[in-house]
Amino acid sequence: MDNFSIMSLEPLLKGSKSKVYQAQVIRVVETFIRFLQEHALCNKTFMTGDRLDDMTVRIMRSDLTDEGFEVVRLAMNKWLRGHDRGKPIEDVSVLEKELKKLRSK
């Protein structure tokens, strides 16, 4: 299986010099990582507390369990689009719904 990047913080932060934009991007990545870790969907620990320590964090395919990758594949873009339409960043219901469906099979 090929290994590839799922999400990388550093290039996202370079999208704008605005501190507001950068803070929002960090919140998105932290929320996503928190979801993955809380549901045992990754093979490594990215955050030990509530905040990212490493601003160069990159989530690779190999960092995710097979179930974690399926959640990413099926729901990550829907979750991100919801935030573009005004849903709170911390609303991970789309991710949770997909995970529930996968685990019920």
N, C-alpha and C. Protein backbone atom coordinates (compact mmCIF):
# COMPACT_ATOMS: atom_id res chain seq x y z
N MET A 1 0.84 -1.18 0.00
CA MET A 1 0.00 0.00 0.00
C MET A 1 0.89 1.24 0.00
N ASP A 2 0.52 2.20 -0.82
CA ASP A 2 1.27 3.45 -0.87
C ASP A 2 1.00 4.28 0.37
N ASN A 3 2.03 4.99 0.81
CA ASN A 3 1.88 5.91 1.92
C ASN A 3 1.79 7.31 1.36
N PHE A 4 0.86 8.08 1.86
CA PHE A 4 0.67 9.44 1.36
C PHE A 4 0.14 10.32 2.47
N SER A 5 0.22 11.61 2.26
CA SER A 5 -0.20 12.59 3.25
C SER A 5 -1.72 12.75 3.25
N ILE A 6 -2.31 12.69 4.43
CA ILE A 6 -3.74 12.93 4.60
C ILE A 6 -3.97 14.40 4.93
N MET A 7 -3.16 14.91 5.86
CA MET A 7 -3.28 16.31 6.29
C MET A 7 -1.92 16.77 6.79
N SER A 8 -1.52 17.94 6.37
CA SER A 8 -0.25 18.51 6.78
C SER A 8 -0.46 19.96 7.21
N LEU A 9 -0.11 20.27 8.43
CA LEU A 9 -0.40 21.59 8.98
C LEU A 9 0.44 22.70 8.34
N GLU A 10 1.71 22.46 8.16
CA GLU A 10 2.61 23.53 7.71
C GLU A 10 2.15 24.21 6.41
N PRO A 11 1.83 23.47 5.35
CA PRO A 11 1.37 24.15 4.13
C PRO A 11 0.05 24.89 4.32
N LEU A 12 -0.82 24.36 5.18
CA LEU A 12 -2.09 25.04 5.44
C LEU A 12 -1.85 26.38 6.10
N LEU A 13 -0.90 26.44 7.02
CA LEU A 13 -0.59 27.69 7.70
C LEU A 13 -0.01 28.73 6.75
N LYS A 14 0.65 28.28 5.70
CA LYS A 14 1.24 29.20 4.74
C LYS A 14 0.19 29.80 3.79
N GLY A 15 -1.06 29.33 3.91
CA GLY A 15 -2.15 29.83 3.06
C GLY A 15 -2.47 31.30 3.30
N SER A 16 -2.11 31.80 4.47
CA SER A 16 -2.36 33.21 4.79
C SER A 16 -1.49 33.61 5.97
N LYS A 17 -1.11 34.88 5.99
CA LYS A 17 -0.35 35.40 7.13
C LYS A 17 -1.26 35.89 8.24
N SER A 18 -2.55 35.87 8.00
CA SER A 18 -3.52 36.30 8.99
C SER A 18 -3.47 35.39 10.23
N LYS A 19 -3.31 35.98 11.38
CA LYS A 19 -3.27 35.21 12.63
C LYS A 19 -4.62 34.56 12.90
N VAL A 20 -5.71 35.21 12.52
CA VAL A 20 -7.04 34.64 12.70
C VAL A 20 -7.18 33.38 11.85
N TYR A 21 -6.78 33.45 10.59
CA TYR A 21 -6.82 32.30 9.70
C TYR A 21 -5.97 31.16 10.26
N GLN A 22 -4.75 31.47 10.65
CA GLN A 22 -3.84 30.44 11.16
C GLN A 22 -4.39 29.79 12.43
N ALA A 23 -4.98 30.58 13.31
CA ALA A 23 -5.57 30.02 14.53
C ALA A 23 -6.72 29.07 14.18
N GLN A 24 -7.51 29.43 13.18
CA GLN A 24 -8.61 28.58 12.77
C GLN A 24 -8.09 27.27 12.17
N VAL A 25 -7.07 27.34 11.35
CA VAL A 25 -6.48 26.14 10.76
C VAL A 25 -5.96 25.22 11.86
N ILE A 26 -5.29 25.78 12.84
CA ILE A 26 -4.77 24.98 13.96
C ILE A 26 -5.92 24.31 14.70
N ARG A 27 -7.01 25.04 14.93
CA ARG A 27 -8.18 24.44 15.60
C ARG A 27 -8.76 23.28 14.79
N VAL A 28 -8.81 23.42 13.49
CA VAL A 28 -9.33 22.35 12.63
C VAL A 28 -8.45 21.11 12.78
N VAL A 29 -7.15 21.28 12.67
CA VAL A 29 -6.22 20.14 12.76
C VAL A 29 -6.27 19.52 14.14
N GLU A 30 -6.29 20.33 15.18
CA GLU A 30 -6.37 19.80 16.55
C GLU A 30 -7.67 19.02 16.77
N THR A 31 -8.77 19.55 16.27
CA THR A 31 -10.06 18.88 16.42
C THR A 31 -10.05 17.54 15.71
N PHE A 32 -9.50 17.52 14.50
CA PHE A 32 -9.43 16.29 13.71
C PHE A 32 -8.55 15.25 14.41
N ILE A 33 -7.38 15.66 14.86
CA ILE A 33 -6.48 14.74 15.55
C ILE A 33 -7.12 14.24 16.85
N ARG A 34 -7.74 15.11 17.59
CA ARG A 34 -8.41 14.71 18.84
C ARG A 34 -9.45 13.62 18.54
N PHE A 35 -10.25 13.81 17.49
CA PHE A 35 -11.25 12.81 17.11
C PHE A 35 -10.56 11.47 16.80
N LEU A 36 -9.52 11.51 15.99
CA LEU A 36 -8.82 10.27 15.64
C LEU A 36 -8.28 9.55 16.88
N GLN A 37 -7.64 10.31 17.74
CA GLN A 37 -7.03 9.71 18.93
C GLN A 37 -8.08 9.19 19.91
N GLU A 38 -9.14 9.94 20.13
CA GLU A 38 -10.17 9.52 21.08
C GLU A 38 -10.88 8.25 20.64
N HIS A 39 -10.90 8.00 19.33
CA HIS A 39 -11.59 6.82 18.82
C HIS A 39 -10.64 5.72 18.36
N ALA A 40 -9.37 5.83 18.76
CA ALA A 40 -8.35 4.81 18.43
C ALA A 40 -8.26 4.54 16.94
N LEU A 41 -8.23 5.62 16.17
CA LEU A 41 -8.18 5.51 14.70
C LEU A 41 -6.79 5.80 14.14
N CYS A 42 -5.82 6.02 15.01
CA CYS A 42 -4.46 6.27 14.53
C CYS A 42 -3.48 5.37 15.28
N ASN A 43 -2.35 5.13 14.64
CA ASN A 43 -1.32 4.24 15.16
C ASN A 43 -0.26 4.96 15.97
N LYS A 44 -0.36 6.26 16.08
CA LYS A 44 0.62 7.02 16.84
C LYS A 44 -0.07 8.18 17.53
N THR A 45 0.62 8.76 18.49
CA THR A 45 0.08 9.89 19.24
C THR A 45 0.59 11.18 18.63
N PHE A 46 -0.33 12.05 18.25
CA PHE A 46 0.03 13.34 17.67
C PHE A 46 -0.01 14.46 18.70
N MET A 47 -0.93 14.32 19.67
CA MET A 47 -1.10 15.35 20.71
C MET A 47 -1.17 14.64 22.05
N THR A 48 -0.46 15.17 23.04
CA THR A 48 -0.53 14.59 24.37
C THR A 48 -1.46 15.39 25.28
N GLY A 49 -1.75 16.61 24.91
CA GLY A 49 -2.68 17.46 25.66
C GLY A 49 -3.77 17.94 24.74
N ASP A 50 -4.29 19.11 25.03
CA ASP A 50 -5.35 19.68 24.20
C ASP A 50 -4.83 20.46 23.01
N ARG A 51 -3.54 20.75 22.99
CA ARG A 51 -2.96 21.61 21.95
C ARG A 51 -1.81 20.91 21.23
N LEU A 52 -1.66 21.28 19.99
CA LEU A 52 -0.52 20.77 19.21
C LEU A 52 0.77 21.39 19.73
N ASP A 53 1.77 20.57 19.88
CA ASP A 53 3.10 21.06 20.24
C ASP A 53 3.93 21.27 18.98
N ASP A 54 3.67 20.47 17.98
CA ASP A 54 4.48 20.46 16.77
C ASP A 54 3.69 21.08 15.61
N MET A 55 4.12 22.24 15.16
CA MET A 55 3.41 22.94 14.08
C MET A 55 3.80 22.39 12.70
N THR A 56 4.57 21.31 12.68
CA THR A 56 4.91 20.66 11.42
C THR A 56 4.22 19.30 11.31
N VAL A 57 3.21 19.08 12.13
CA VAL A 57 2.53 17.77 12.16
C VAL A 57 1.99 17.43 10.78
N ARG A 58 2.16 16.17 10.44
CA ARG A 58 1.66 15.64 9.16
C ARG A 58 1.04 14.27 9.45
N ILE A 59 -0.18 14.07 9.03
CA ILE A 59 -0.84 12.78 9.18
C ILE A 59 -0.69 12.02 7.87
N MET A 60 -0.05 10.88 7.96
CA MET A 60 0.17 10.04 6.79
C MET A 60 -0.80 8.86 6.82
N ARG A 61 -1.01 8.24 5.68
CA ARG A 61 -1.89 7.06 5.61
C ARG A 61 -1.43 6.01 6.61
N SER A 62 -0.12 5.81 6.71
CA SER A 62 0.42 4.78 7.60
C SER A 62 0.19 5.10 9.07
N ASP A 63 -0.15 6.35 9.39
CA ASP A 63 -0.42 6.74 10.77
C ASP A 63 -1.83 6.34 11.21
N LEU A 64 -2.66 5.94 10.26
CA LEU A 64 -4.06 5.62 10.56
C LEU A 64 -4.31 4.12 10.53
N THR A 65 -5.23 3.68 11.36
CA THR A 65 -5.70 2.31 11.24
C THR A 65 -6.51 2.21 9.95
N ASP A 66 -6.83 1.00 9.52
CA ASP A 66 -7.66 0.85 8.32
C ASP A 66 -9.01 1.51 8.53
N GLU A 67 -9.57 1.34 9.72
CA GLU A 67 -10.84 1.97 10.05
C GLU A 67 -10.73 3.50 10.03
N GLY A 68 -9.62 4.00 10.56
CA GLY A 68 -9.37 5.44 10.55
C GLY A 68 -9.30 5.98 9.13
N PHE A 69 -8.62 5.25 8.27
CA PHE A 69 -8.53 5.70 6.88
C PHE A 69 -9.90 5.69 6.21
N GLU A 70 -10.73 4.71 6.51
CA GLU A 70 -12.08 4.66 5.94
C GLU A 70 -12.90 5.87 6.39
N VAL A 71 -12.79 6.24 7.65
CA VAL A 71 -13.50 7.43 8.13
C VAL A 71 -13.01 8.66 7.38
N VAL A 72 -11.71 8.78 7.22
CA VAL A 72 -11.14 9.91 6.48
C VAL A 72 -11.66 9.92 5.05
N ARG A 73 -11.58 8.77 4.41
CA ARG A 73 -11.98 8.65 3.00
C ARG A 73 -13.46 9.00 2.80
N LEU A 74 -14.30 8.55 3.72
CA LEU A 74 -15.73 8.73 3.55
C LEU A 74 -16.29 10.03 4.13
N ALA A 75 -15.62 10.60 5.14
CA ALA A 75 -16.26 11.71 5.85
C ALA A 75 -15.44 12.98 6.03
N MET A 76 -14.14 12.94 5.86
CA MET A 76 -13.34 14.13 6.16
C MET A 76 -13.75 15.33 5.31
N ASN A 77 -13.92 15.14 4.02
CA ASN A 77 -14.29 16.27 3.16
C ASN A 77 -15.67 16.81 3.49
N LYS A 78 -16.62 15.92 3.84
CA LYS A 78 -17.95 16.38 4.25
C LYS A 78 -17.84 17.23 5.51
N TRP A 79 -17.03 16.78 6.45
CA TRP A 79 -16.83 17.51 7.71
C TRP A 79 -16.24 18.89 7.43
N LEU A 80 -15.22 18.96 6.59
CA LEU A 80 -14.58 20.24 6.26
C LEU A 80 -15.55 21.17 5.52
N ARG A 81 -16.34 20.63 4.60
CA ARG A 81 -17.32 21.45 3.87
C ARG A 81 -18.37 22.01 4.82
N GLY A 82 -18.74 21.25 5.83
CA GLY A 82 -19.71 21.74 6.81
C GLY A 82 -19.19 22.97 7.53
N HIS A 83 -17.92 22.99 7.81
CA HIS A 83 -17.33 24.16 8.48
C HIS A 83 -17.25 25.34 7.54
N ASP A 84 -17.06 25.07 6.27
CA ASP A 84 -17.08 26.16 5.28
C ASP A 84 -18.45 26.81 5.22
N ARG A 85 -19.48 26.03 5.54
CA ARG A 85 -20.86 26.54 5.52
C ARG A 85 -21.30 27.07 6.88
N GLY A 86 -20.39 27.12 7.85
CA GLY A 86 -20.72 27.76 9.12
C GLY A 86 -20.88 26.86 10.33
N LYS A 87 -20.74 25.54 10.17
CA LYS A 87 -20.81 24.67 11.34
C LYS A 87 -19.59 24.93 12.23
N PRO A 88 -19.74 24.79 13.53
CA PRO A 88 -18.59 24.96 14.42
C PRO A 88 -17.50 23.91 14.12
N ILE A 89 -16.27 24.32 14.23
CA ILE A 89 -15.15 23.42 13.96
C ILE A 89 -15.23 22.17 14.83
N GLU A 90 -15.64 22.34 16.07
CA GLU A 90 -15.66 21.22 17.01
C GLU A 90 -16.82 20.25 16.77
N ASP A 91 -17.70 20.54 15.84
CA ASP A 91 -18.81 19.65 15.52
C ASP A 91 -18.29 18.51 14.64
N VAL A 92 -18.04 17.38 15.27
CA VAL A 92 -17.50 16.22 14.55
C VAL A 92 -18.58 15.17 14.29
N SER A 93 -19.83 15.59 14.32
CA SER A 93 -20.94 14.65 14.17
C SER A 93 -20.88 13.89 12.84
N VAL A 94 -20.41 14.51 11.79
CA VAL A 94 -20.29 13.83 10.49
C VAL A 94 -19.27 12.70 10.60
N LEU A 95 -18.16 12.96 11.26
CA LEU A 95 -17.14 11.92 11.44
C LEU A 95 -17.67 10.81 12.35
N GLU A 96 -18.35 11.20 13.42
CA GLU A 96 -18.90 10.21 14.35
C GLU A 96 -19.94 9.32 13.68
N LYS A 97 -20.77 9.92 12.85
CA LYS A 97 -21.82 9.16 12.15
C LYS A 97 -21.19 8.11 11.23
N GLU A 98 -20.16 8.51 10.50
CA GLU A 98 -19.51 7.56 9.60
C GLU A 98 -18.82 6.45 10.38
N LEU A 99 -18.18 6.80 11.47
CA LEU A 99 -17.53 5.79 12.30
C LEU A 99 -18.55 4.81 12.86
N LYS A 100 -19.67 5.32 13.31
CA LYS A 100 -20.73 4.46 13.84
C LYS A 100 -21.21 3.47 12.77
N LYS A 101 -21.38 3.96 11.54
CA LYS A 101 -21.81 3.08 10.46
C LYS A 101 -20.77 1.99 10.21
N LEU A 102 -19.50 2.37 10.18
CA LEU A 102 -18.44 1.39 9.94
C LEU A 102 -18.39 0.35 11.05
N ARG A 103 -18.53 0.78 12.28
CA ARG A 103 -18.42 -0.14 13.41
C ARG A 103 -19.66 -1.02 13.58
N SER A 104 -20.75 -0.66 12.97
CA SER A 104 -21.97 -1.47 13.08
C SER A 104 -22.02 -2.59 12.04
N LYS A 105 -21.09 -2.54 11.11
CA LYS A 105 -21.08 -3.58 10.04
C LYS A 105 -20.48 -4.87 10.55
